[in-house]
Each structure stands twice: as structure tokens, then as C-alpha cells.
Amino acid sequence: QVQLVESGGGLVQAGGSLRLSCAASGNIFSFNAMGWYRRAPGKERELVATITRGGNTNYANSVKGRFTITRDNAKNTLYLQMNGLKPEDTGVYYCAASRYRVIDGTADWGQGTQVTVSS
């Protein structure tokens, strides 16, 4: 099982930026779909963005145009560049990785990193 470790979270003012990183203990090229999810206080975990090995991306409507997901297979790292942050982006952000085309029940998950956006 590959270990995923998120970093880069923190406290930022509305309109600011953060870049999250997810470092894998193994070769992420073995993963097809990788993604970021978040859980806001009192809410269910939700999809933020996913990217496949081939570079196809998918974003939640709420983050389109503000967030960018990328992966660096050479560095075994997944990234999420977050610009124009809003208070509603506050939550714990989780990295996920699957050997299949979608993040499914077999996916590996990180422990999460807290993002707090103040108004």
C-alpha cells in the first residue's frame, strides 16, 4: 500500500492562494486516477478535482477557473494550486489515488491537510 502525505495547508485570507502537495511513498505512475477531495465542517466529503495518468482533469463546478490540479510522476507528487480562495473553500483536503480510471473503493487516501480561509 502506498502512503500519501499531504502538505501545504494553512490559514489564508479570502482572495489568497495556497498550493497543496501530496507526496507518495511509491511510484505514482502506477496510479491512473489521482485526486483531491475536501470535507467542510459539518458536511460530507466532496470531490474537488481529479487527474488521470494521461492528464485528463475534472473539477467541481465550485472551483473551476480557480484551482488547478497537476501531477509530477518523476517526483511522485500530486499538486493542487488554489487561487482566489473563498471562505467556503475551508475544510480538510485529502489526496486520493487509484489504479483505475476513477477514484473508487480501492483507492489509497492521505490523512488530510487543513485549509482555512478567513473573510
N, C-alpha and C. Protein backbone atom coordinates (compact mmCIF):
# COMPACT_ATOMS: atom_id res chain seq x y z
N GLN A 1 0.84 -1.19 0.00
CA GLN A 1 0.00 0.00 0.00
C GLN A 1 0.88 1.24 0.00
N VAL A 2 0.59 2.17 -0.89
CA VAL A 2 1.35 3.40 -1.00
C VAL A 2 0.88 4.39 0.06
N GLN A 3 1.81 5.06 0.69
CA GLN A 3 1.46 6.08 1.68
C GLN A 3 1.41 7.43 1.00
N LEU A 4 0.34 8.19 1.28
CA LEU A 4 0.15 9.51 0.71
C LEU A 4 0.19 10.53 1.84
N VAL A 5 1.01 11.57 1.68
CA VAL A 5 1.16 12.58 2.73
C VAL A 5 0.91 13.96 2.14
N GLU A 6 -0.14 14.61 2.63
CA GLU A 6 -0.48 15.95 2.15
C GLU A 6 0.28 17.02 2.95
N SER A 7 0.53 18.14 2.31
CA SER A 7 1.12 19.29 2.97
C SER A 7 0.71 20.55 2.23
N GLY A 8 0.97 21.70 2.85
CA GLY A 8 0.71 22.97 2.19
C GLY A 8 -0.53 23.69 2.67
N GLY A 9 -1.29 23.06 3.54
CA GLY A 9 -2.47 23.74 4.06
C GLY A 9 -2.09 24.85 5.02
N GLY A 10 -3.08 25.61 5.42
CA GLY A 10 -2.83 26.70 6.35
C GLY A 10 -3.97 27.68 6.40
N LEU A 11 -3.71 28.83 7.01
CA LEU A 11 -4.69 29.89 7.13
C LEU A 11 -4.37 30.98 6.12
N VAL A 12 -5.35 31.39 5.36
CA VAL A 12 -5.14 32.42 4.33
C VAL A 12 -6.38 33.31 4.27
N GLN A 13 -6.19 34.55 3.89
CA GLN A 13 -7.32 35.46 3.73
C GLN A 13 -8.03 35.20 2.41
N ALA A 14 -9.29 35.55 2.37
CA ALA A 14 -10.06 35.41 1.14
C ALA A 14 -9.35 36.15 0.00
N GLY A 15 -9.32 35.50 -1.15
CA GLY A 15 -8.62 36.05 -2.30
C GLY A 15 -7.18 35.57 -2.43
N GLY A 16 -6.68 34.94 -1.39
CA GLY A 16 -5.31 34.46 -1.38
C GLY A 16 -5.14 33.14 -2.10
N SER A 17 -3.91 32.62 -2.03
CA SER A 17 -3.57 31.38 -2.72
C SER A 17 -2.83 30.42 -1.80
N LEU A 18 -2.98 29.14 -2.10
CA LEU A 18 -2.22 28.09 -1.45
C LEU A 18 -1.92 27.03 -2.49
N ARG A 19 -0.82 26.30 -2.29
CA ARG A 19 -0.55 25.14 -3.12
C ARG A 19 -0.40 23.92 -2.22
N LEU A 20 -1.27 22.97 -2.43
CA LEU A 20 -1.21 21.72 -1.69
C LEU A 20 -0.35 20.72 -2.45
N SER A 21 0.38 19.91 -1.70
CA SER A 21 1.17 18.83 -2.27
C SER A 21 0.78 17.51 -1.64
N CYS A 22 0.89 16.46 -2.41
CA CYS A 22 0.63 15.11 -1.91
C CYS A 22 1.78 14.25 -2.37
N ALA A 23 2.64 13.89 -1.43
CA ALA A 23 3.82 13.09 -1.75
C ALA A 23 3.50 11.62 -1.52
N ALA A 24 3.83 10.80 -2.51
CA ALA A 24 3.58 9.37 -2.41
C ALA A 24 4.87 8.64 -2.08
N SER A 25 4.74 7.57 -1.30
CA SER A 25 5.93 6.80 -0.92
C SER A 25 6.42 5.90 -2.04
N GLY A 26 5.58 5.72 -3.06
CA GLY A 26 5.97 4.88 -4.17
C GLY A 26 5.80 5.59 -5.49
N ASN A 27 5.86 4.85 -6.56
CA ASN A 27 5.79 5.39 -7.91
C ASN A 27 4.34 5.68 -8.27
N ILE A 28 4.00 6.95 -8.43
CA ILE A 28 2.60 7.28 -8.71
C ILE A 28 2.20 6.96 -10.14
N PHE A 29 3.19 6.62 -10.95
CA PHE A 29 2.83 6.25 -12.32
C PHE A 29 1.94 5.00 -12.32
N SER A 30 2.03 4.23 -11.25
CA SER A 30 1.18 3.04 -11.14
C SER A 30 -0.28 3.41 -10.90
N PHE A 31 -0.52 4.65 -10.50
CA PHE A 31 -1.87 5.11 -10.29
C PHE A 31 -2.42 5.73 -11.57
N ASN A 32 -3.65 5.44 -11.88
CA ASN A 32 -4.28 6.08 -13.01
C ASN A 32 -4.94 7.38 -12.52
N ALA A 33 -6.04 7.25 -11.79
CA ALA A 33 -6.70 8.45 -11.29
C ALA A 33 -6.14 8.88 -9.94
N MET A 34 -5.86 10.17 -9.83
CA MET A 34 -5.48 10.77 -8.55
C MET A 34 -6.35 12.01 -8.37
N GLY A 35 -6.58 12.37 -7.12
CA GLY A 35 -7.47 13.50 -6.93
C GLY A 35 -7.39 14.13 -5.55
N TRP A 36 -8.07 15.24 -5.45
CA TRP A 36 -8.22 15.97 -4.21
C TRP A 36 -9.70 16.01 -3.84
N TYR A 37 -9.96 15.74 -2.59
CA TYR A 37 -11.30 15.84 -2.02
C TYR A 37 -11.22 16.74 -0.80
N ARG A 38 -12.35 17.23 -0.35
CA ARG A 38 -12.35 18.04 0.86
C ARG A 38 -13.60 17.75 1.68
N ARG A 39 -13.45 17.99 2.97
CA ARG A 39 -14.59 17.86 3.88
C ARG A 39 -14.69 19.16 4.66
N ALA A 40 -15.76 19.90 4.39
CA ALA A 40 -16.02 21.14 5.13
C ALA A 40 -16.68 20.80 6.46
N PRO A 41 -16.58 21.67 7.44
CA PRO A 41 -17.19 21.40 8.75
C PRO A 41 -18.68 21.09 8.62
N GLY A 42 -19.09 19.95 9.15
CA GLY A 42 -20.50 19.59 9.14
C GLY A 42 -21.02 19.08 7.81
N LYS A 43 -20.12 18.85 6.85
CA LYS A 43 -20.58 18.40 5.53
C LYS A 43 -19.91 17.10 5.14
N GLU A 44 -20.43 16.49 4.09
CA GLU A 44 -19.85 15.27 3.56
C GLU A 44 -18.59 15.59 2.75
N ARG A 45 -17.73 14.59 2.63
CA ARG A 45 -16.55 14.76 1.79
C ARG A 45 -17.00 14.93 0.34
N GLU A 46 -16.36 15.85 -0.39
CA GLU A 46 -16.75 16.11 -1.77
C GLU A 46 -15.53 16.17 -2.67
N LEU A 47 -15.78 15.88 -3.94
CA LEU A 47 -14.73 15.95 -4.95
C LEU A 47 -14.32 17.39 -5.19
N VAL A 48 -13.02 17.62 -5.29
CA VAL A 48 -12.51 18.93 -5.69
C VAL A 48 -11.98 18.84 -7.12
N ALA A 49 -11.08 17.90 -7.37
CA ALA A 49 -10.50 17.76 -8.70
C ALA A 49 -9.84 16.40 -8.84
N THR A 50 -9.83 15.87 -10.05
CA THR A 50 -9.12 14.63 -10.33
C THR A 50 -8.29 14.79 -11.59
N ILE A 51 -7.29 13.93 -11.72
CA ILE A 51 -6.44 13.91 -12.90
C ILE A 51 -6.04 12.47 -13.18
N THR A 52 -6.06 12.08 -14.45
CA THR A 52 -5.66 10.74 -14.82
C THR A 52 -4.19 10.70 -15.22
N ARG A 53 -3.68 9.50 -15.38
CA ARG A 53 -2.29 9.34 -15.81
C ARG A 53 -2.06 10.06 -17.13
N GLY A 54 -3.07 10.09 -17.98
CA GLY A 54 -2.95 10.73 -19.28
C GLY A 54 -3.13 12.23 -19.24
N GLY A 55 -3.43 12.77 -18.05
CA GLY A 55 -3.54 14.21 -17.93
C GLY A 55 -4.94 14.78 -18.04
N ASN A 56 -5.94 13.91 -18.16
CA ASN A 56 -7.31 14.41 -18.21
C ASN A 56 -7.74 14.87 -16.83
N THR A 57 -8.32 16.05 -16.77
CA THR A 57 -8.71 16.63 -15.48
C THR A 57 -10.21 16.81 -15.38
N ASN A 58 -10.67 16.85 -14.16
CA ASN A 58 -12.08 17.07 -13.86
C ASN A 58 -12.15 17.91 -12.59
N TYR A 59 -13.01 18.94 -12.60
CA TYR A 59 -13.11 19.83 -11.46
C TYR A 59 -14.56 19.96 -10.99
N ALA A 60 -14.72 20.18 -9.70
CA ALA A 60 -16.03 20.56 -9.18
C ALA A 60 -16.36 21.94 -9.73
N ASN A 61 -17.63 22.17 -10.01
CA ASN A 61 -18.04 23.46 -10.57
C ASN A 61 -17.63 24.62 -9.67
N SER A 62 -17.62 24.38 -8.38
CA SER A 62 -17.33 25.45 -7.43
C SER A 62 -15.88 25.93 -7.48
N VAL A 63 -14.99 25.13 -8.07
CA VAL A 63 -13.57 25.51 -8.08
C VAL A 63 -13.04 25.76 -9.50
N LYS A 64 -13.85 25.51 -10.50
CA LYS A 64 -13.40 25.70 -11.89
C LYS A 64 -12.93 27.14 -12.10
N GLY A 65 -11.78 27.26 -12.76
CA GLY A 65 -11.22 28.58 -13.04
C GLY A 65 -10.39 29.14 -11.90
N ARG A 66 -10.44 28.50 -10.73
CA ARG A 66 -9.66 28.98 -9.58
C ARG A 66 -8.59 27.97 -9.15
N PHE A 67 -8.90 26.68 -9.26
CA PHE A 67 -7.99 25.63 -8.82
C PHE A 67 -7.41 24.91 -10.03
N THR A 68 -6.18 24.43 -9.88
CA THR A 68 -5.54 23.64 -10.94
C THR A 68 -4.87 22.43 -10.32
N ILE A 69 -5.20 21.26 -10.83
CA ILE A 69 -4.59 20.02 -10.36
C ILE A 69 -3.52 19.58 -11.36
N THR A 70 -2.37 19.18 -10.83
CA THR A 70 -1.30 18.66 -11.67
C THR A 70 -0.64 17.50 -10.95
N ARG A 71 0.10 16.71 -11.70
CA ARG A 71 0.86 15.62 -11.11
C ARG A 71 2.24 15.58 -11.72
N ASP A 72 3.24 15.29 -10.92
CA ASP A 72 4.62 15.15 -11.39
C ASP A 72 5.03 13.72 -11.10
N ASN A 73 4.95 12.88 -12.13
CA ASN A 73 5.25 11.47 -11.92
C ASN A 73 6.72 11.25 -11.54
N ALA A 74 7.60 12.10 -12.03
CA ALA A 74 9.03 11.95 -11.70
C ALA A 74 9.29 12.21 -10.23
N LYS A 75 8.49 13.10 -9.63
CA LYS A 75 8.65 13.44 -8.22
C LYS A 75 7.65 12.70 -7.33
N ASN A 76 6.82 11.86 -7.95
CA ASN A 76 5.80 11.11 -7.20
C ASN A 76 4.94 12.04 -6.35
N THR A 77 4.52 13.14 -6.95
CA THR A 77 3.79 14.15 -6.19
C THR A 77 2.60 14.67 -6.98
N LEU A 78 1.51 14.85 -6.27
CA LEU A 78 0.29 15.45 -6.80
C LEU A 78 0.16 16.84 -6.20
N TYR A 79 -0.31 17.80 -7.00
CA TYR A 79 -0.44 19.18 -6.53
C TYR A 79 -1.86 19.70 -6.74
N LEU A 80 -2.20 20.70 -5.94
CA LEU A 80 -3.43 21.46 -6.16
C LEU A 80 -3.10 22.93 -5.92
N GLN A 81 -3.08 23.70 -6.99
CA GLN A 81 -2.88 25.14 -6.89
C GLN A 81 -4.23 25.79 -6.71
N MET A 82 -4.39 26.51 -5.61
CA MET A 82 -5.67 27.13 -5.28
C MET A 82 -5.52 28.64 -5.25
N ASN A 83 -6.18 29.30 -6.17
CA ASN A 83 -6.17 30.76 -6.25
C ASN A 83 -7.56 31.32 -5.98
N GLY A 84 -7.62 32.58 -5.63
CA GLY A 84 -8.92 33.19 -5.40
C GLY A 84 -9.73 32.47 -4.33
N LEU A 85 -9.06 32.11 -3.25
CA LEU A 85 -9.73 31.32 -2.22
C LEU A 85 -10.88 32.07 -1.57
N LYS A 86 -11.91 31.31 -1.23
CA LYS A 86 -13.11 31.84 -0.60
C LYS A 86 -13.33 31.16 0.75
N PRO A 87 -14.03 31.80 1.66
CA PRO A 87 -14.29 31.15 2.96
C PRO A 87 -14.95 29.78 2.81
N GLU A 88 -15.76 29.60 1.79
CA GLU A 88 -16.41 28.30 1.59
C GLU A 88 -15.46 27.22 1.11
N ASP A 89 -14.22 27.57 0.82
CA ASP A 89 -13.21 26.56 0.48
C ASP A 89 -12.58 25.96 1.73
N THR A 90 -12.94 26.46 2.90
CA THR A 90 -12.40 25.95 4.15
C THR A 90 -12.77 24.49 4.34
N GLY A 91 -11.80 23.70 4.79
CA GLY A 91 -12.04 22.30 5.06
C GLY A 91 -10.75 21.52 5.15
N VAL A 92 -10.89 20.23 5.37
CA VAL A 92 -9.74 19.33 5.34
C VAL A 92 -9.65 18.76 3.94
N TYR A 93 -8.49 18.90 3.33
CA TYR A 93 -8.27 18.45 1.96
C TYR A 93 -7.50 17.13 1.99
N TYR A 94 -8.04 16.15 1.25
CA TYR A 94 -7.48 14.82 1.20
C TYR A 94 -7.01 14.49 -0.21
N CYS A 95 -5.90 13.80 -0.26
CA CYS A 95 -5.36 13.27 -1.51
C CYS A 95 -5.80 11.82 -1.66
N ALA A 96 -6.14 11.42 -2.87
CA ALA A 96 -6.54 10.04 -3.13
C ALA A 96 -5.89 9.55 -4.41
N ALA A 97 -5.66 8.24 -4.48
CA ALA A 97 -5.02 7.67 -5.67
C ALA A 97 -5.59 6.28 -5.93
N SER A 98 -5.91 6.03 -7.19
CA SER A 98 -6.49 4.75 -7.58
C SER A 98 -5.76 4.18 -8.79
N ARG A 99 -5.69 2.88 -8.88
CA ARG A 99 -5.08 2.24 -10.04
C ARG A 99 -6.05 2.17 -11.20
N TYR A 100 -7.26 2.63 -10.99
CA TYR A 100 -8.28 2.61 -12.03
C TYR A 100 -8.57 4.01 -12.53
N ARG A 101 -9.50 4.12 -13.47
CA ARG A 101 -9.76 5.40 -14.12
C ARG A 101 -10.50 6.37 -13.21
N VAL A 102 -11.11 5.85 -12.16
CA VAL A 102 -11.83 6.71 -11.23
C VAL A 102 -11.37 6.40 -9.81
N ILE A 103 -11.60 7.34 -8.91
CA ILE A 103 -11.31 7.13 -7.50
C ILE A 103 -12.42 6.26 -6.95
N ASP A 104 -12.09 5.02 -6.65
CA ASP A 104 -13.12 4.07 -6.22
C ASP A 104 -12.80 3.56 -4.83
N GLY A 105 -13.50 2.52 -4.42
CA GLY A 105 -13.34 1.99 -3.07
C GLY A 105 -11.99 1.36 -2.79
N THR A 106 -11.20 1.12 -3.82
CA THR A 106 -9.87 0.54 -3.62
C THR A 106 -8.79 1.62 -3.49
N ALA A 107 -9.18 2.87 -3.59
CA ALA A 107 -8.20 3.97 -3.59
C ALA A 107 -7.47 4.08 -2.26
N ASP A 108 -6.25 4.58 -2.35
CA ASP A 108 -5.48 4.93 -1.16
C ASP A 108 -5.75 6.39 -0.83
N TRP A 109 -5.72 6.71 0.48
CA TRP A 109 -6.03 8.06 0.93
C TRP A 109 -4.96 8.59 1.87
N GLY A 110 -4.76 9.90 1.82
CA GLY A 110 -3.89 10.54 2.78
C GLY A 110 -4.67 10.91 4.03
N GLN A 111 -3.96 11.49 4.99
CA GLN A 111 -4.57 11.85 6.27
C GLN A 111 -5.22 13.22 6.24
N GLY A 112 -4.91 14.03 5.25
CA GLY A 112 -5.56 15.32 5.11
C GLY A 112 -4.72 16.47 5.61
N THR A 113 -5.00 17.65 5.05
CA THR A 113 -4.36 18.89 5.49
C THR A 113 -5.42 19.97 5.59
N GLN A 114 -5.38 20.75 6.64
CA GLN A 114 -6.41 21.74 6.91
C GLN A 114 -6.17 23.02 6.12
N VAL A 115 -7.23 23.48 5.47
CA VAL A 115 -7.21 24.77 4.78
C VAL A 115 -8.29 25.64 5.41
N THR A 116 -7.90 26.82 5.87
CA THR A 116 -8.85 27.73 6.47
C THR A 116 -8.75 29.08 5.77
N VAL A 117 -9.87 29.55 5.24
CA VAL A 117 -9.92 30.81 4.52
C VAL A 117 -10.76 31.79 5.34
N SER A 118 -10.13 32.87 5.75
CA SER A 118 -10.85 33.86 6.55
C SER A 118 -11.42 34.95 5.66
N SER A 119 -12.53 35.49 6.09
CA SER A 119 -13.20 36.53 5.28
C SER A 119 -12.71 37.92 5.64
